[in-house]
């Protein structure tokens, strides 16, 4: 009986030791998570402290002897004001999607086939076999029609992508203009 009690006590101690180790590991995980979250938070604050104007690619010089704290506060106010004026946030930019081109069949292959068959039949009639010429012409015309559609679609998609990039660039330029006007109004030279 005594041996059984000691075995139970040993088992209890062993179980308690495992629980303590698990708690230690969980506590360490929590500590690591808190440290990582703190690092992320502080680095994001550091980015904001580096100056909004630098992140925008704008150089701001205080012309009325403003100190750094005043300049930071003015940049923050102008950042918010420019967002309200333009609807664009440069730290969380609007994604402009390019229109997708319809690449489905549109009959260009059929039209090409018909033109090719007509041309092939005419050449085939001269050569002596209009049916064979029409078949060859239809195949060549279908391939030409489909190829022309693919090239046209690719050119249209490229134009759509360029238009989307231009809109995105215009949004950023409008924001920078609004930010610069605000900073100049607060007594800074902006370039």
Protein backbone atom coordinates (compact mmCIF):
# COMPACT_ATOMS: atom_id res chain seq x y z
CA UNK A 1 0.00 0.00 0.00
CA UNK A 2 2.78 2.37 0.95
CA UNK A 3 4.57 1.61 -2.30
CA UNK A 4 1.40 2.37 -4.22
CA UNK A 5 1.07 5.74 -2.48
CA UNK A 6 4.66 6.59 -3.33
CA UNK A 7 4.06 5.60 -6.94
CA UNK A 8 0.97 7.79 -7.06
CA UNK A 9 2.95 10.63 -5.48
CA UNK A 10 5.72 10.17 -8.05
CA UNK A 11 3.17 10.14 -10.81
CA UNK A 12 1.61 13.32 -9.41
CA UNK A 13 5.00 15.03 -9.22
CA UNK A 14 5.89 13.89 -12.72
CA UNK A 15 2.53 15.16 -14.05
CA UNK A 16 3.00 18.44 -12.23
CA UNK A 17 6.49 18.82 -13.72
CA UNK A 18 5.12 18.28 -17.24
CA UNK A 19 2.37 20.84 -16.61
CA UNK A 20 4.96 23.32 -15.35
CA UNK A 21 7.09 22.76 -18.45
CA UNK A 22 4.09 23.24 -20.72
CA UNK A 23 3.12 26.41 -18.87
CA UNK A 24 6.71 27.63 -19.20
CA UNK A 25 6.63 26.93 -22.96
CA UNK A 26 3.25 28.65 -23.34
CA UNK A 27 4.49 31.60 -21.30
CA UNK A 28 7.60 31.81 -23.47
CA UNK A 29 5.45 31.72 -26.60
CA UNK A 30 3.32 34.53 -25.20
CA UNK A 31 6.42 36.54 -24.31
CA UNK A 32 7.86 36.05 -27.80
CA UNK A 33 4.55 37.12 -29.37
CA UNK A 34 4.41 40.25 -27.20
CA UNK A 35 8.00 41.12 -28.09
CA UNK A 36 7.35 40.62 -31.82
CA UNK A 37 4.16 42.69 -31.68
CA UNK A 38 6.05 45.44 -29.87
CA UNK A 39 8.80 45.41 -32.50
CA UNK A 40 6.26 45.68 -35.32
CA UNK A 41 4.44 48.50 -33.55
CA UNK A 42 7.62 50.42 -32.79
CA UNK A 43 8.95 50.01 -36.33
CA UNK A 44 5.66 51.28 -37.75
CA UNK A 45 5.90 54.27 -35.41
CA UNK A 46 9.49 54.74 -36.56
CA UNK A 47 8.34 54.80 -40.18
CA UNK A 48 5.79 57.48 -39.32
CA UNK A 49 8.50 59.36 -37.43
CA UNK A 50 10.79 59.24 -40.45
CA UNK A 51 8.57 61.88 -42.01
CA UNK A 52 5.57 61.50 -44.22
CA UNK A 53 7.07 63.88 -46.72
CA UNK A 54 10.05 61.57 -47.31
CA UNK A 55 7.78 58.61 -47.92
CA UNK A 56 5.96 60.72 -50.54
CA UNK A 57 9.19 61.74 -52.24
CA UNK A 58 8.64 65.38 -51.27
CA UNK A 59 11.24 67.57 -49.58
CA UNK A 60 9.90 69.93 -46.92
CA UNK A 61 11.95 72.75 -45.41
CA UNK A 62 10.66 74.87 -42.51
CA UNK A 63 10.84 78.55 -43.49
CA UNK A 64 9.48 79.96 -40.21
CA UNK A 65 11.96 78.17 -37.88
CA UNK A 66 9.46 75.42 -37.01
CA UNK A 67 10.94 72.65 -34.86
CA UNK A 68 10.76 68.94 -35.75
CA UNK A 69 7.76 68.28 -33.51
CA UNK A 70 5.80 71.09 -35.16
CA UNK A 71 6.79 69.87 -38.62
CA UNK A 72 5.72 66.31 -37.76
CA UNK A 73 2.36 67.57 -36.48
CA UNK A 74 1.89 69.74 -39.58
CA UNK A 75 2.78 66.84 -41.90
CA UNK A 76 0.28 64.61 -40.11
CA UNK A 77 -2.45 67.24 -40.42
CA UNK A 78 -1.66 67.82 -44.10
CA UNK A 79 -1.55 64.06 -44.72
CA UNK A 80 -5.11 63.74 -43.40
CA UNK A 81 -6.29 66.90 -45.17
CA UNK A 82 -4.90 65.73 -48.53
CA UNK A 83 -6.64 62.35 -48.12
CA UNK A 84 -9.94 64.16 -47.51
CA UNK A 85 -9.41 66.37 -50.55
CA UNK A 86 -8.31 63.68 -53.01
CA UNK A 87 -9.76 60.46 -51.64
CA UNK A 88 -6.34 58.85 -52.05
CA UNK A 89 -4.13 57.48 -49.26
CA UNK A 90 -0.50 57.04 -50.37
CA UNK A 91 0.27 54.71 -47.45
CA UNK A 92 -2.66 52.51 -48.47
CA UNK A 93 -3.00 53.25 -52.20
CA UNK A 94 -6.10 52.55 -54.21
CA UNK A 95 -5.60 49.64 -56.58
CA UNK A 96 -6.72 50.56 -60.08
CA UNK A 97 -7.75 47.46 -62.03
CA UNK A 98 -7.16 47.36 -65.76
CA UNK A 99 -10.20 46.36 -67.79
CA UNK A 100 -9.98 42.79 -69.02
CA UNK A 101 -10.30 42.21 -72.75
CA UNK A 102 -12.91 39.73 -73.96
CA UNK A 103 -10.84 36.95 -75.53
CA UNK A 104 -13.78 34.76 -76.47
CA UNK A 105 -14.44 33.88 -80.07
CA UNK A 106 -16.13 36.70 -81.94
CA UNK A 107 -16.46 35.34 -85.46
CA UNK A 108 -13.12 36.61 -86.74
CA UNK A 109 -12.09 33.03 -87.45
CA UNK A 110 -15.28 32.42 -89.45
CA UNK A 111 -14.89 35.66 -91.41
CA UNK A 112 -11.23 34.83 -92.10
CA UNK A 113 -12.22 31.35 -93.18
CA UNK A 114 -14.86 32.71 -95.57
CA UNK A 115 -12.42 35.19 -97.11
CA UNK A 116 -9.74 32.51 -97.38
CA UNK A 117 -12.17 30.05 -98.98
CA UNK A 118 -13.21 32.62 -101.57
CA UNK A 119 -9.61 33.47 -102.40
CA UNK A 120 -8.61 29.80 -102.40
CA UNK A 121 -11.50 28.86 -104.69
CA UNK A 122 -10.48 31.55 -107.18
CA UNK A 123 -6.87 30.39 -107.18
CA UNK A 124 -7.96 26.75 -107.25
CA UNK A 125 -10.22 27.44 -110.26
CA UNK A 126 -7.25 28.81 -112.15
CA UNK A 127 -5.11 25.83 -111.10
CA UNK A 128 -7.86 23.35 -111.94
CA UNK A 129 -9.31 22.30 -108.53
CA UNK A 130 -11.54 24.97 -106.96
CA UNK A 131 -12.70 22.71 -104.06
CA UNK A 132 -9.18 21.89 -102.92
CA UNK A 133 -8.17 25.54 -103.24
CA UNK A 134 -11.22 26.62 -101.22
CA UNK A 135 -10.38 24.15 -98.42
CA UNK A 136 -6.78 25.31 -98.22
CA UNK A 137 -7.87 28.96 -98.36
CA UNK A 138 -10.50 28.42 -95.64
CA UNK A 139 -7.93 26.88 -93.29
CA UNK A 140 -5.39 29.61 -93.92
CA UNK A 141 -8.07 32.30 -93.53
CA UNK A 142 -9.29 30.82 -90.23
CA UNK A 143 -5.76 30.77 -88.85
CA UNK A 144 -5.15 34.33 -90.03
CA UNK A 145 -8.48 35.53 -88.54
CA UNK A 146 -7.78 33.91 -85.15
CA UNK A 147 -4.21 35.22 -85.10
CA UNK A 148 -5.42 38.75 -85.88
CA UNK A 149 -7.95 38.49 -83.01
CA UNK A 150 -5.24 37.39 -80.56
CA UNK A 151 -2.93 40.22 -81.59
CA UNK A 152 -5.76 42.75 -81.34
CA UNK A 153 -6.73 41.42 -77.89
CA UNK A 154 -3.14 41.63 -76.65
CA UNK A 155 -2.81 45.21 -77.88
CA UNK A 156 -6.10 46.18 -76.24
CA UNK A 157 -5.05 44.57 -72.92
CA UNK A 158 -1.76 46.44 -73.03
CA UNK A 159 -3.60 49.71 -73.64
CA UNK A 160 -5.94 48.94 -70.69
CA UNK A 161 -2.95 48.21 -68.41
CA UNK A 162 -1.28 51.48 -69.42
CA UNK A 163 -4.49 53.41 -68.79
CA UNK A 164 -4.80 51.87 -65.28
CA UNK A 165 -1.17 52.74 -64.51
CA UNK A 166 -1.79 56.32 -65.69
CA UNK A 167 -4.86 56.65 -63.44
CA UNK A 168 -2.87 55.33 -60.48
CA UNK A 169 -0.06 57.78 -61.21
CA UNK A 170 -2.53 60.66 -61.53
CA UNK A 171 -4.08 59.82 -58.14
CA UNK A 172 -0.67 59.87 -56.47
CA UNK A 173 0.28 63.14 -58.20
CA UNK A 174 -2.98 64.78 -57.11
CA UNK A 175 -2.38 63.69 -53.54
CA UNK A 176 1.21 65.03 -53.57
CA UNK A 177 -0.06 68.32 -54.97
CA UNK A 178 -2.68 68.64 -52.19
CA UNK A 179 -0.13 67.71 -49.51
CA UNK A 180 2.35 70.26 -50.88
CA UNK A 181 -0.26 73.04 -50.98
CA UNK A 182 -1.19 72.34 -47.36
CA UNK A 183 2.44 72.33 -46.20
CA UNK A 184 3.15 75.57 -48.07
CA UNK A 185 0.12 77.10 -46.39
CA UNK A 186 1.63 76.17 -43.02
CA UNK A 187 4.87 78.00 -43.83
CA UNK A 188 7.12 75.36 -45.40
CA UNK A 189 9.06 75.33 -48.63
CA UNK A 190 8.15 72.18 -50.56
CA UNK A 191 10.06 70.72 -53.53
